[in-house]
Amino acid sequence: MLANLFSKSKPIGYVVIGFMLLATYFIHLISDLKWLQSPTVIIEKSFLFILVVVSVLLIQFITLKNYLSANNLYSLFLYACFLILFPTFYDDANLIIANFLVLLALRRIISMQTLNMPKLKIFDASLWIFIATLFESWTILYFAMIYLTIIWYVGQDYRNWIIPLIALLTVTILFYTYSLFNGINLVEFWTNKYAIGFNFSYFENGYQNIALAFLATIAVLFTFYLFTNLKNIATDQLILYKNIVFCFVIGATVYIISPDKSNGLLVFTFFPLSIIGGNFLATTKSYWIKETVLVSILGVSLLLFFLMKL
């Protein structure tokens, strides 16, 4: 049933995914009703949910616009399931905003393959990443993707190497101006942000540990599929998938080295995993394999979500 429902980009598929996210977001919020005491917090929570929905739709836009998958909703569905699996993501406003900004940057980086307005895309991607670092510092690692993309596509023009530095200068000037009016000590601000920590004993309950193990298993299986099927990927698409793999490595690194760990930090791995998983489902001929994978991921995600709420 799920395999058929999400095999095409139909409105009913978007409605189902939207309902999944809305229901789980609401259930997550009502586990602590303190936010209802403040109209400002209510508006903030509503805005953050809208940002989550826009981020999910942005995944679909990137996927279809760059031919990363056929005209289906598999990647979108997987991304939504991953969000349900790690509801602590909803508690961190900075993380939600940073993830949205990173997706905007990835949209420009991945679209570099068209070689249409490369300088504007490099500037936009750099700008979004540098702004994202204000909310989640280690997203600065995505800066490496920009220069890697420049090497692959437009490295022969020296001006393209300078553009990210112009974006950095732009964000620096704007943030410096903001800090002057708000009394922010820039040295302390950045020094505290770029700490490194490897303490993984942050789990609030055993179910969060299981959720992490489940995602790790999915990542291994999807990555194994990708590397065993590289020969079937068109030559002009190989760089795109190298970018997807590199994106996953950076997302995993952000989680590993961040000092203030939470399962929500894994959100930066959701985009590449959903793209790889979506392709696996789209190319799998067996209906029952597709159905089993989709039902299993949804079932485990919902089960762990509700167990965490108990």
C-alpha atoms as a PDB file:
ATOM      1  CA  MET A   1       0.000   0.000   0.000  1.00  0.00           C
ATOM      2  CA  LEU A   2       2.718   2.497   0.960  1.00  0.00           C
ATOM      3  CA  ALA A   3       4.792   1.550  -2.077  1.00  0.00           C
ATOM      4  CA  ASN A   4       1.904   2.447  -4.380  1.00  0.00           C
ATOM      5  CA  LEU A   5       0.925   5.562  -2.432  1.00  0.00           C
ATOM      6  CA  PHE A   6       4.371   7.151  -2.694  1.00  0.00           C
ATOM      7  CA  SER A   7       5.417   5.756  -6.066  1.00  0.00           C
ATOM      8  CA  LYS A   8       4.104   8.894  -7.777  1.00  0.00           C
ATOM      9  CA  SER A   9       4.180  12.543  -6.802  1.00  0.00           C
ATOM     10  CA  LYS A  10       0.462  12.762  -6.006  1.00  0.00           C
ATOM     11  CA  PRO A  11      -1.337  15.297  -3.767  1.00  0.00           C
ATOM     12  CA  ILE A  12      -2.614  12.515  -1.491  1.00  0.00           C
ATOM     13  CA  GLY A  13       1.002  11.546  -0.764  1.00  0.00           C
ATOM     14  CA  TYR A  14       1.853  15.082   0.318  1.00  0.00           C
ATOM     15  CA  VAL A  15      -1.259  15.179   2.516  1.00  0.00           C
ATOM     16  CA  VAL A  16      -0.342  11.921   4.256  1.00  0.00           C
ATOM     17  CA  ILE A  17       3.237  13.064   4.913  1.00  0.00           C
ATOM     18  CA  GLY A  18       1.999  16.445   6.126  1.00  0.00           C
ATOM     19  CA  PHE A  19      -0.464  14.780   8.497  1.00  0.00           C
ATOM     20  CA  MET A  20       2.283  12.487   9.841  1.00  0.00           C
ATOM     21  CA  LEU A  21       4.480  15.450  10.656  1.00  0.00           C
ATOM     22  CA  LEU A  22       1.683  17.579  12.113  1.00  0.00           C
ATOM     23  CA  ALA A  23       0.365  14.759  14.315  1.00  0.00           C
ATOM     24  CA  THR A  24       3.756  13.765  15.694  1.00  0.00           C
ATOM     25  CA  TYR A  25       4.803  17.392  16.201  1.00  0.00           C
ATOM     26  CA  PHE A  26       1.595  18.095  18.150  1.00  0.00           C
ATOM     27  CA  ILE A  27       1.948  14.905  20.230  1.00  0.00           C
ATOM     28  CA  HIS A  28       5.540  15.852  21.002  1.00  0.00           C
ATOM     29  CA  LEU A  29       4.496  19.328  22.127  1.00  0.00           C
ATOM     30  CA  ILE A  30       1.632  18.222  24.385  1.00  0.00           C
ATOM     31  CA  SER A  31       4.031  16.084  26.423  1.00  0.00           C
ATOM     32  CA  ASP A  32       4.988  19.390  28.068  1.00  0.00           C
ATOM     33  CA  LEU A  33       2.264  22.043  28.084  1.00  0.00           C
ATOM     34  CA  LYS A  34       4.347  24.886  29.520  1.00  0.00           C
ATOM     35  CA  TRP A  35       4.606  26.458  26.056  1.00  0.00           C
ATOM     36  CA  LEU A  36       0.837  27.134  26.099  1.00  0.00           C
ATOM     37  CA  GLN A  37       1.328  29.707  28.869  1.00  0.00           C
ATOM     38  CA  SER A  38       3.016  32.172  26.525  1.00  0.00           C
ATOM     39  CA  PRO A  39       1.501  33.531  23.279  1.00  0.00           C
ATOM     40  CA  THR A  40       5.031  34.313  22.096  1.00  0.00           C
ATOM     41  CA  VAL A  41       6.115  30.686  22.500  1.00  0.00           C
ATOM     42  CA  ILE A  42       2.944  29.476  20.731  1.00  0.00           C
ATOM     43  CA  ILE A  43       3.781  31.702  17.750  1.00  0.00           C
ATOM     44  CA  GLU A  44       7.390  30.485  17.849  1.00  0.00           C
ATOM     45  CA  LYS A  45       6.366  26.808  17.874  1.00  0.00           C
ATOM     46  CA  SER A  46       3.963  27.413  14.980  1.00  0.00           C
ATOM     47  CA  PHE A  47       6.652  29.198  12.981  1.00  0.00           C
ATOM     48  CA  LEU A  48       9.163  26.409  13.625  1.00  0.00           C
ATOM     49  CA  PHE A  49       6.695  23.782  12.394  1.00  0.00           C
ATOM     50  CA  ILE A  50       6.104  25.777   9.206  1.00  0.00           C
ATOM     51  CA  LEU A  51       9.884  25.925   8.759  1.00  0.00           C
ATOM     52  CA  VAL A  52      10.090  22.132   9.194  1.00  0.00           C
ATOM     53  CA  VAL A  53       7.380  21.624   6.551  1.00  0.00           C
ATOM     54  CA  VAL A  54       9.111  24.001   4.131  1.00  0.00           C
ATOM     55  CA  SER A  55      12.378  22.127   4.732  1.00  0.00           C
ATOM     56  CA  VAL A  56      10.688  18.829   3.872  1.00  0.00           C
ATOM     57  CA  LEU A  57       9.211  20.304   0.684  1.00  0.00           C
ATOM     58  CA  LEU A  58      12.640  21.703  -0.167  1.00  0.00           C
ATOM     59  CA  ILE A  59      13.945  18.134  -0.145  1.00  0.00           C
ATOM     60  CA  GLN A  60      11.425  17.215  -2.817  1.00  0.00           C
ATOM     61  CA  PHE A  61      12.285  20.304  -4.863  1.00  0.00           C
ATOM     62  CA  ILE A  62      16.019  19.512  -4.804  1.00  0.00           C
ATOM     63  CA  THR A  63      15.359  15.881  -5.660  1.00  0.00           C
ATOM     64  CA  LEU A  64      13.154  16.521  -8.677  1.00  0.00           C
ATOM     65  CA  LYS A  65      14.926  19.639  -9.973  1.00  0.00           C
ATOM     66  CA  ASN A  66      18.292  17.872 -10.121  1.00  0.00           C
ATOM     67  CA  TYR A  67      16.976  14.473 -11.265  1.00  0.00           C
ATOM     68  CA  LEU A  68      18.245  12.771  -8.129  1.00  0.00           C
ATOM     69  CA  SER A  69      15.210  10.520  -8.222  1.00  0.00           C
ATOM     70  CA  ALA A  70      12.233   9.744 -10.398  1.00  0.00           C
ATOM     71  CA  ASN A  71       8.894  11.506  -9.943  1.00  0.00           C
ATOM     72  CA  ASN A  72       8.001   9.850  -6.628  1.00  0.00           C
ATOM     73  CA  LEU A  73       7.724  10.689  -2.919  1.00  0.00           C
ATOM     74  CA  TYR A  74       9.996   8.003  -1.489  1.00  0.00           C
ATOM     75  CA  SER A  75      12.738  10.449  -0.436  1.00  0.00           C
ATOM     76  CA  LEU A  76      10.190  12.807   1.086  1.00  0.00           C
ATOM     77  CA  PHE A  77       8.564   9.962   3.014  1.00  0.00           C
ATOM     78  CA  LEU A  78      11.909   8.703   4.356  1.00  0.00           C
ATOM     79  CA  TYR A  79      12.903  12.198   5.465  1.00  0.00           C
ATOM     80  CA  ALA A  80       9.609  12.564   7.355  1.00  0.00           C
ATOM     81  CA  CYS A  81      10.134   9.163   9.030  1.00  0.00           C
ATOM     82  CA  PHE A  82      13.602  10.196  10.177  1.00  0.00           C
ATOM     83  CA  LEU A  83      12.149  13.352  11.745  1.00  0.00           C
ATOM     84  CA  ILE A  84       9.583  11.235  13.588  1.00  0.00           C
ATOM     85  CA  LEU A  85      12.337   8.884  14.755  1.00  0.00           C
ATOM     86  CA  PHE A  86      14.223  11.771  16.400  1.00  0.00           C
ATOM     87  CA  PRO A  87      11.620  14.155  17.877  1.00  0.00           C
ATOM     88  CA  THR A  88      14.220  15.958  20.035  1.00  0.00           C
ATOM     89  CA  PHE A  89      14.975  17.858  16.827  1.00  0.00           C
ATOM     90  CA  TYR A  90      11.724  19.784  17.402  1.00  0.00           C
ATOM     91  CA  ASP A  91      13.016  21.141  20.730  1.00  0.00           C
ATOM     92  CA  ASP A  92      15.957  23.021  19.249  1.00  0.00           C
ATOM     93  CA  ALA A  93      14.960  26.186  17.373  1.00  0.00           C
ATOM     94  CA  ASN A  94      18.573  26.899  16.369  1.00  0.00           C
ATOM     95  CA  LEU A  95      18.880  23.425  14.871  1.00  0.00           C
ATOM     96  CA  ILE A  96      15.653  23.769  12.868  1.00  0.00           C
ATOM     97  CA  ILE A  97      16.784  27.110  11.441  1.00  0.00           C
ATOM     98  CA  ALA A  98      20.330  25.879  10.742  1.00  0.00           C
ATOM     99  CA  ASN A  99      19.017  22.782   8.949  1.00  0.00           C
ATOM    100  CA  PHE A 100      16.754  24.926   6.763  1.00  0.00           C
ATOM    101  CA  LEU A 101      19.653  27.228   5.851  1.00  0.00           C
ATOM    102  CA  VAL A 102      21.921  24.272   5.061  1.00  0.00           C
ATOM    103  CA  LEU A 103      19.251  22.847   2.751  1.00  0.00           C
ATOM    104  CA  LEU A 104      19.055  26.200   0.948  1.00  0.00           C
ATOM    105  CA  ALA A 105      22.826  26.047   0.503  1.00  0.00           C
ATOM    106  CA  LEU A 106      22.734  22.432  -0.723  1.00  0.00           C
ATOM    107  CA  ARG A 107      20.064  23.394  -3.237  1.00  0.00           C
ATOM    108  CA  ARG A 108      22.506  25.856  -4.820  1.00  0.00           C
ATOM    109  CA  ILE A 109      25.525  23.559  -4.530  1.00  0.00           C
ATOM    110  CA  ILE A 110      23.810  20.599  -6.171  1.00  0.00           C
ATOM    111  CA  SER A 111      22.341  22.743  -8.961  1.00  0.00           C
ATOM    112  CA  MET A 112      25.877  23.761  -9.984  1.00  0.00           C
ATOM    113  CA  GLN A 113      25.796  20.857 -12.421  1.00  0.00           C
ATOM    114  CA  THR A 114      23.804  22.998 -14.865  1.00  0.00           C
ATOM    115  CA  LEU A 115      26.657  25.563 -14.998  1.00  0.00           C
ATOM    116  CA  ASN A 116      23.963  28.235 -15.103  1.00  0.00           C
ATOM    117  CA  MET A 117      24.971  31.378 -13.151  1.00  0.00           C
ATOM    118  CA  PRO A 118      27.676  29.556 -11.157  1.00  0.00           C
ATOM    119  CA  LYS A 119      29.001  32.702  -9.458  1.00  0.00           C
ATOM    120  CA  LEU A 120      25.573  33.589  -8.071  1.00  0.00           C
ATOM    121  CA  LYS A 121      25.065  30.014  -6.844  1.00  0.00           C
ATOM    122  CA  ILE A 122      28.466  29.955  -5.148  1.00  0.00           C
ATOM    123  CA  PHE A 123      27.718  33.237  -3.398  1.00  0.00           C
ATOM    124  CA  ASP A 124      24.223  32.134  -2.327  1.00  0.00           C
ATOM    125  CA  ALA A 125      25.433  28.772  -0.996  1.00  0.00           C
ATOM    126  CA  SER A 126      28.298  30.419   0.899  1.00  0.00           C
ATOM    127  CA  LEU A 127      25.984  33.041   2.350  1.00  0.00           C
ATOM    128  CA  TRP A 128      23.465  30.456   3.610  1.00  0.00           C
ATOM    129  CA  ILE A 129      26.193  28.327   5.175  1.00  0.00           C
ATOM    130  CA  PHE A 130      27.821  31.240   6.967  1.00  0.00           C
ATOM    131  CA  ILE A 131      24.455  32.364   8.320  1.00  0.00           C
ATOM    132  CA  ALA A 132      23.745  28.770   9.419  1.00  0.00           C
ATOM    133  CA  THR A 133      26.950  28.787  11.482  1.00  0.00           C
ATOM    134  CA  LEU A 134      25.430  31.506  13.657  1.00  0.00           C
ATOM    135  CA  PHE A 135      22.814  28.956  14.759  1.00  0.00           C
ATOM    136  CA  GLU A 136      24.815  25.705  14.614  1.00  0.00           C
ATOM    137  CA  SER A 137      28.537  26.404  14.514  1.00  0.00           C
ATOM    138  CA  TRP A 138      29.857  23.177  12.990  1.00  0.00           C
ATOM    139  CA  THR A 139      27.773  23.601   9.848  1.00  0.00           C
ATOM    140  CA  ILE A 140      30.858  25.545   8.757  1.00  0.00           C
ATOM    141  CA  LEU A 141      32.110  22.142   7.566  1.00  0.00           C
ATOM    142  CA  TYR A 142      29.716  22.405   4.606  1.00  0.00           C
ATOM    143  CA  PHE A 143      32.015  25.151   3.367  1.00  0.00           C
ATOM    144  CA  ALA A 144      34.239  22.322   2.089  1.00  0.00           C
ATOM    145  CA  MET A 145      31.434  21.225  -0.240  1.00  0.00           C
ATOM    146  CA  ILE A 146      31.476  24.614  -1.928  1.00  0.00           C
ATOM    147  CA  TYR A 147      35.155  24.437  -2.813  1.00  0.00           C
ATOM    148  CA  LEU A 148      34.866  20.794  -3.804  1.00  0.00           C
ATOM    149  CA  THR A 149      32.030  21.730  -6.179  1.00  0.00           C
ATOM    150  CA  ILE A 150      34.126  24.583  -7.568  1.00  0.00           C
ATOM    151  CA  ILE A 151      36.940  22.108  -8.275  1.00  0.00           C
ATOM    152  CA  TRP A 152      34.558  19.723 -10.040  1.00  0.00           C
ATOM    153  CA  TYR A 153      32.702  22.282 -12.151  1.00  0.00           C
ATOM    154  CA  VAL A 154      34.210  25.774 -12.422  1.00  0.00           C
ATOM    155  CA  GLY A 155      37.708  25.642 -10.934  1.00  0.00           C
ATOM    156  CA  GLN A 156      39.328  27.112 -14.035  1.00  0.00           C
ATOM    157  CA  ASP A 157      37.965  30.595 -13.252  1.00  0.00           C
ATOM    158  CA  TYR A 158      39.981  32.033 -10.334  1.00  0.00           C
ATOM    159  CA  ARG A 159      37.169  34.462  -9.461  1.00  0.00           C
ATOM    160  CA  ASN A 160      34.984  31.575  -8.310  1.00  0.00           C
ATOM    161  CA  TRP A 161      37.518  30.800  -5.555  1.00  0.00           C
ATOM    162  CA  ILE A 162      37.188  34.316  -4.140  1.00  0.00           C
ATOM    163  CA  ILE A 163      33.381  34.507  -4.072  1.00  0.00           C
ATOM    164  CA  PRO A 164      32.916  32.436  -0.841  1.00  0.00           C
ATOM    165  CA  LEU A 165      35.290  34.845   0.935  1.00  0.00           C
ATOM    166  CA  ILE A 166      33.124  37.768  -0.210  1.00  0.00           C
ATOM    167  CA  ALA A 167      30.092  36.016   1.278  1.00  0.00           C
ATOM    168  CA  LEU A 168      32.044  35.489   4.509  1.00  0.00           C
ATOM    169  CA  LEU A 169      32.924  39.190   4.628  1.00  0.00           C
ATOM    170  CA  THR A 170      29.271  40.106   4.045  1.00  0.00           C
ATOM    171  CA  VAL A 171      28.012  37.951   6.917  1.00  0.00           C
ATOM    172  CA  THR A 172      30.854  39.122   9.162  1.00  0.00           C
ATOM    173  CA  ILE A 173      30.017  42.802   8.628  1.00  0.00           C
ATOM    174  CA  LEU A 174      26.285  42.238   9.191  1.00  0.00           C
ATOM    175  CA  PHE A 175      26.813  40.162  12.333  1.00  0.00           C
ATOM    176  CA  TYR A 176      29.406  42.603  13.682  1.00  0.00           C
ATOM    177  CA  THR A 177      26.880  45.420  13.264  1.00  0.00           C
ATOM    178  CA  TYR A 178      24.227  43.332  15.010  1.00  0.00           C
ATOM    179  CA  SER A 179      26.611  42.498  17.870  1.00  0.00           C
ATOM    180  CA  LEU A 180      27.403  46.176  18.472  1.00  0.00           C
ATOM    181  CA  PHE A 181      23.737  46.970  19.049  1.00  0.00           C
ATOM    182  CA  ASN A 182      23.173  43.915  21.256  1.00  0.00           C
ATOM    183  CA  GLY A 183      26.342  43.943  23.324  1.00  0.00           C
ATOM    184  CA  ILE A 184      27.668  40.596  22.059  1.00  0.00           C
ATOM    185  CA  ASN A 185      31.321  39.814  22.749  1.00  0.00           C
ATOM    186  CA  LEU A 186      32.442  38.371  19.414  1.00  0.00           C
ATOM    187  CA  VAL A 187      35.559  36.658  20.802  1.00  0.00           C
ATOM    188  CA  GLU A 188      33.583  34.796  23.468  1.00  0.00           C
ATOM    189  CA  PHE A 189      30.762  34.076  21.025  1.00  0.00           C
ATOM    190  CA  TRP A 190      32.965  32.253  18.531  1.00  0.00           C
ATOM    191  CA  THR A 191      35.329  30.705  21.076  1.00  0.00           C
ATOM    192  CA  ASN A 192      32.438  28.992  22.865  1.00  0.00           C
ATOM    193  CA  LYS A 193      30.859  27.859  19.607  1.00  0.00           C
ATOM    194  CA  TYR A 194      33.824  25.925  18.256  1.00  0.00           C
ATOM    195  CA  ALA A 195      34.414  23.555  21.115  1.00  0.00           C
ATOM    196  CA  ILE A 196      34.703  19.836  20.343  1.00  0.00           C
ATOM    197  CA  GLY A 197      33.254  17.038  22.424  1.00  0.00           C
ATOM    198  CA  PHE A 198      32.998  13.264  22.111  1.00  0.00           C
ATOM    199  CA  ASN A 199      30.695  12.503  25.020  1.00  0.00           C
ATOM    200  CA  PHE A 200      27.981  10.153  23.740  1.00  0.00           C
ATOM    201  CA  SER A 201      26.330   9.512  27.107  1.00  0.00           C
ATOM    202  CA  TYR A 202      23.598  12.069  26.522  1.00  0.00           C
ATOM    203  CA  PHE A 203      20.684   9.673  25.992  1.00  0.00           C
ATOM    204  CA  GLU A 204      17.646  10.469  28.133  1.00  0.00           C
ATOM    205  CA  ASN A 205      16.303   6.929  27.707  1.00  0.00           C
ATOM    206  CA  GLY A 206      17.181   3.640  26.055  1.00  0.00           C
ATOM    207  CA  TYR A 207      14.787   4.241  23.168  1.00  0.00           C
ATOM    208  CA  GLN A 208      16.895   7.155  21.915  1.00  0.00           C
ATOM    209  CA  ASN A 209      19.848   4.768  21.836  1.00  0.00           C
ATOM    210  CA  ILE A 210      17.806   2.246  19.844  1.00  0.00           C
ATOM    211  CA  ALA A 211      16.719   4.989  17.430  1.00  0.00           C
ATOM    212  CA  LEU A 212      20.356   5.908  16.805  1.00  0.00           C
ATOM    213  CA  ALA A 213      21.257   2.243  16.206  1.00  0.00           C
ATOM    214  CA  PHE A 214      18.301   1.886  13.808  1.00  0.00           C
ATOM    215  CA  LEU A 215      19.377   4.940  11.786  1.00  0.00           C
ATOM    216  CA  ALA A 216      22.966   3.662  11.705  1.00  0.00           C
ATOM    217  CA  THR A 217      21.724   0.336  10.318  1.00  0.00           C
ATOM    218  CA  ILE A 218      19.704   2.117   7.631  1.00  0.00           C
ATOM    219  CA  ALA A 219      22.729   4.255   6.751  1.00  0.00           C
ATOM    220  CA  VAL A 220      24.946   1.184   6.333  1.00  0.00           C
ATOM    221  CA  LEU A 221      22.397  -0.606   4.129  1.00  0.00           C
ATOM    222  CA  PHE A 222      21.661   2.428   1.947  1.00  0.00           C
ATOM    223  CA  THR A 223      25.361   3.284   1.568  1.00  0.00           C
ATOM    224  CA  PHE A 224      26.149  -0.317   0.643  1.00  0.00           C
ATOM    225  CA  TYR A 225      23.426  -0.157  -2.008  1.00  0.00           C
ATOM    226  CA  LEU A 226      24.842   3.088  -3.439  1.00  0.00           C
ATOM    227  CA  PHE A 227      28.412   1.829  -3.740  1.00  0.00           C
ATOM    228  CA  THR A 228      27.342  -1.463  -5.298  1.00  0.00           C
ATOM    229  CA  ASN A 229      25.260   0.358  -7.898  1.00  0.00           C
ATOM    230  CA  LEU A 230      27.680   3.117  -8.926  1.00  0.00           C
ATOM    231  CA  LYS A 231      28.169   1.404 -12.274  1.00  0.00           C
ATOM    232  CA  ASN A 232      24.482   1.934 -13.043  1.00  0.00           C
ATOM    233  CA  ILE A 233      24.623   5.681 -12.446  1.00  0.00           C
ATOM    234  CA  ALA A 234      24.992   7.835 -15.544  1.00  0.00           C
ATOM    235  CA  THR A 235      28.423   9.450 -15.919  1.00  0.00           C
ATOM    236  CA  ASP A 236      27.004  12.979 -15.778  1.00  0.00           C
ATOM    237  CA  GLN A 237      25.289  12.107 -12.468  1.00  0.00           C
ATOM    238  CA  LEU A 238      28.336  10.658 -10.704  1.00  0.00           C
ATOM    239  CA  ILE A 239      29.510  14.008  -9.333  1.00  0.00           C
ATOM    240  CA  LEU A 240      26.028  14.611  -7.950  1.00  0.00           C
ATOM    241  CA  TYR A 241      26.151  11.384  -5.986  1.00  0.00           C
ATOM    242  CA  LYS A 242      29.678  12.114  -4.812  1.00  0.00           C
ATOM    243  CA  ASN A 243      28.235  15.326  -3.398  1.00  0.00           C
ATOM    244  CA  ILE A 244      25.460  13.347  -1.692  1.00  0.00           C
ATOM    245  CA  VAL A 245      27.974  10.988  -0.063  1.00  0.00           C
ATOM    246  CA  PHE A 246      30.172  13.907   1.006  1.00  0.00           C
ATOM    247  CA  CYS A 247      27.079  15.622   2.412  1.00  0.00           C
ATOM    248  CA  PHE A 248      26.379  12.551   4.567  1.00  0.00           C
ATOM    249  CA  VAL A 249      29.984  12.426   5.800  1.00  0.00           C
ATOM    250  CA  ILE A 250      29.831  16.090   6.822  1.00  0.00           C
ATOM    251  CA  GLY A 251      26.453  15.618   8.528  1.00  0.00           C
ATOM    252  CA  ALA A 252      27.786  12.666  10.508  1.00  0.00           C
ATOM    253  CA  THR A 253      30.911  14.638  11.430  1.00  0.00           C
ATOM    254  CA  VAL A 254      28.810  17.547  12.748  1.00  0.00           C
ATOM    255  CA  TYR A 255      27.053  15.089  15.061  1.00  0.00           C
ATOM    256  CA  ILE A 256      30.256  13.361  16.170  1.00  0.00           C
ATOM    257  CA  ILE A 257      32.295  16.450  17.085  1.00  0.00           C
ATOM    258  CA  SER A 258      29.574  18.732  18.477  1.00  0.00           C
ATOM    259  CA  PRO A 259      30.005  19.102  22.261  1.00  0.00           C
ATOM    260  CA  ASP A 260      26.289  19.575  23.018  1.00  0.00           C
ATOM    261  CA  LYS A 261      25.070  16.332  21.526  1.00  0.00           C
ATOM    262  CA  SER A 262      21.507  15.267  20.933  1.00  0.00           C
ATOM    263  CA  ASN A 263      19.868  12.891  18.472  1.00  0.00           C
ATOM    264  CA  GLY A 264      18.446  15.979  16.791  1.00  0.00           C
ATOM    265  CA  LEU A 265      21.912  16.781  15.419  1.00  0.00           C
ATOM    266  CA  LEU A 266      21.567  13.758  13.155  1.00  0.00           C
ATOM    267  CA  VAL A 267      19.156  15.814  11.037  1.00  0.00           C
ATOM    268  CA  PHE A 268      22.092  16.816   8.830  1.00  0.00           C
ATOM    269  CA  THR A 269      22.375  13.199   7.662  1.00  0.00           C
ATOM    270  CA  PHE A 270      18.685  12.885   6.771  1.00  0.00           C
ATOM    271  CA  PHE A 271      18.873  14.584   3.374  1.00  0.00           C
ATOM    272  CA  PRO A 272      21.574  12.370   1.814  1.00  0.00           C
ATOM    273  CA  LEU A 273      20.114   9.218   3.373  1.00  0.00           C
ATOM    274  CA  SER A 274      16.630  10.003   2.071  1.00  0.00           C
ATOM    275  CA  ILE A 275      18.013  10.608  -1.439  1.00  0.00           C
ATOM    276  CA  ILE A 276      19.972   7.336  -1.447  1.00  0.00           C
ATOM    277  CA  GLY A 277      17.040   5.433   0.075  1.00  0.00           C
ATOM    278  CA  GLY A 278      14.590   6.965  -2.376  1.00  0.00           C
ATOM    279  CA  ASN A 279      16.724   5.776  -5.289  1.00  0.00           C
ATOM    280  CA  PHE A 280      16.964   2.308  -3.795  1.00  0.00           C
ATOM    281  CA  LEU A 281      13.179   2.085  -3.565  1.00  0.00           C
ATOM    282  CA  ALA A 282      12.655   3.544  -7.036  1.00  0.00           C
ATOM    283  CA  THR A 283      15.025   1.061  -8.695  1.00  0.00           C
ATOM    284  CA  THR A 284      13.891  -2.001  -6.738  1.00  0.00           C
ATOM    285  CA  LYS A 285      11.595  -4.058  -8.966  1.00  0.00           C
ATOM    286  CA  SER A 286      10.072  -6.186  -6.223  1.00  0.00           C
ATOM    287  CA  TYR A 287       6.911  -4.591  -4.828  1.00  0.00           C
ATOM    288  CA  TRP A 288       7.181  -6.562  -1.602  1.00  0.00           C
ATOM    289  CA  ILE A 289      10.729  -5.422  -0.898  1.00  0.00           C
ATOM    290  CA  LYS A 290       9.608  -1.806  -1.317  1.00  0.00           C
ATOM    291  CA  GLU A 291       6.591  -2.358   0.888  1.00  0.00           C
ATOM    292  CA  THR A 292       8.615  -4.145   3.557  1.00  0.00           C
ATOM    293  CA  VAL A 293      11.235  -1.371   3.709  1.00  0.00           C
ATOM    294  CA  LEU A 294       8.652   1.417   3.867  1.00  0.00           C
ATOM    295  CA  VAL A 295       6.438  -0.299   6.453  1.00  0.00           C
ATOM    296  CA  SER A 296       9.446  -1.275   8.579  1.00  0.00           C
ATOM    297  CA  ILE A 297      10.919   2.222   8.655  1.00  0.00           C
ATOM    298  CA  LEU A 298       7.550   3.854   9.362  1.00  0.00           C
ATOM    299  CA  GLY A 299       6.588   1.217  11.933  1.00  0.00           C
ATOM    300  CA  VAL A 300       9.853   1.401  13.878  1.00  0.00           C
ATOM    301  CA  SER A 301       9.874   5.224  13.720  1.00  0.00           C
ATOM    302  CA  LEU A 302       6.331   5.488  15.104  1.00  0.00           C
ATOM    303  CA  LEU A 303       6.901   2.770  17.714  1.00  0.00           C
ATOM    304  CA  LEU A 304      10.038   4.408  19.090  1.00  0.00           C
ATOM    305  CA  PHE A 305       8.409   7.842  18.923  1.00  0.00           C
ATOM    306  CA  PHE A 306       5.501   6.718  21.122  1.00  0.00           C
ATOM    307  CA  LEU A 307       7.758   4.750  23.473  1.00  0.00           C
ATOM    308  CA  MET A 308       9.812   7.913  24.036  1.00  0.00           C
ATOM    309  CA  LYS A 309       6.623   9.766  24.944  1.00  0.00           C
ATOM    310  CA  LEU A 310       5.631   7.245  27.653  1.00  0.00           C
END
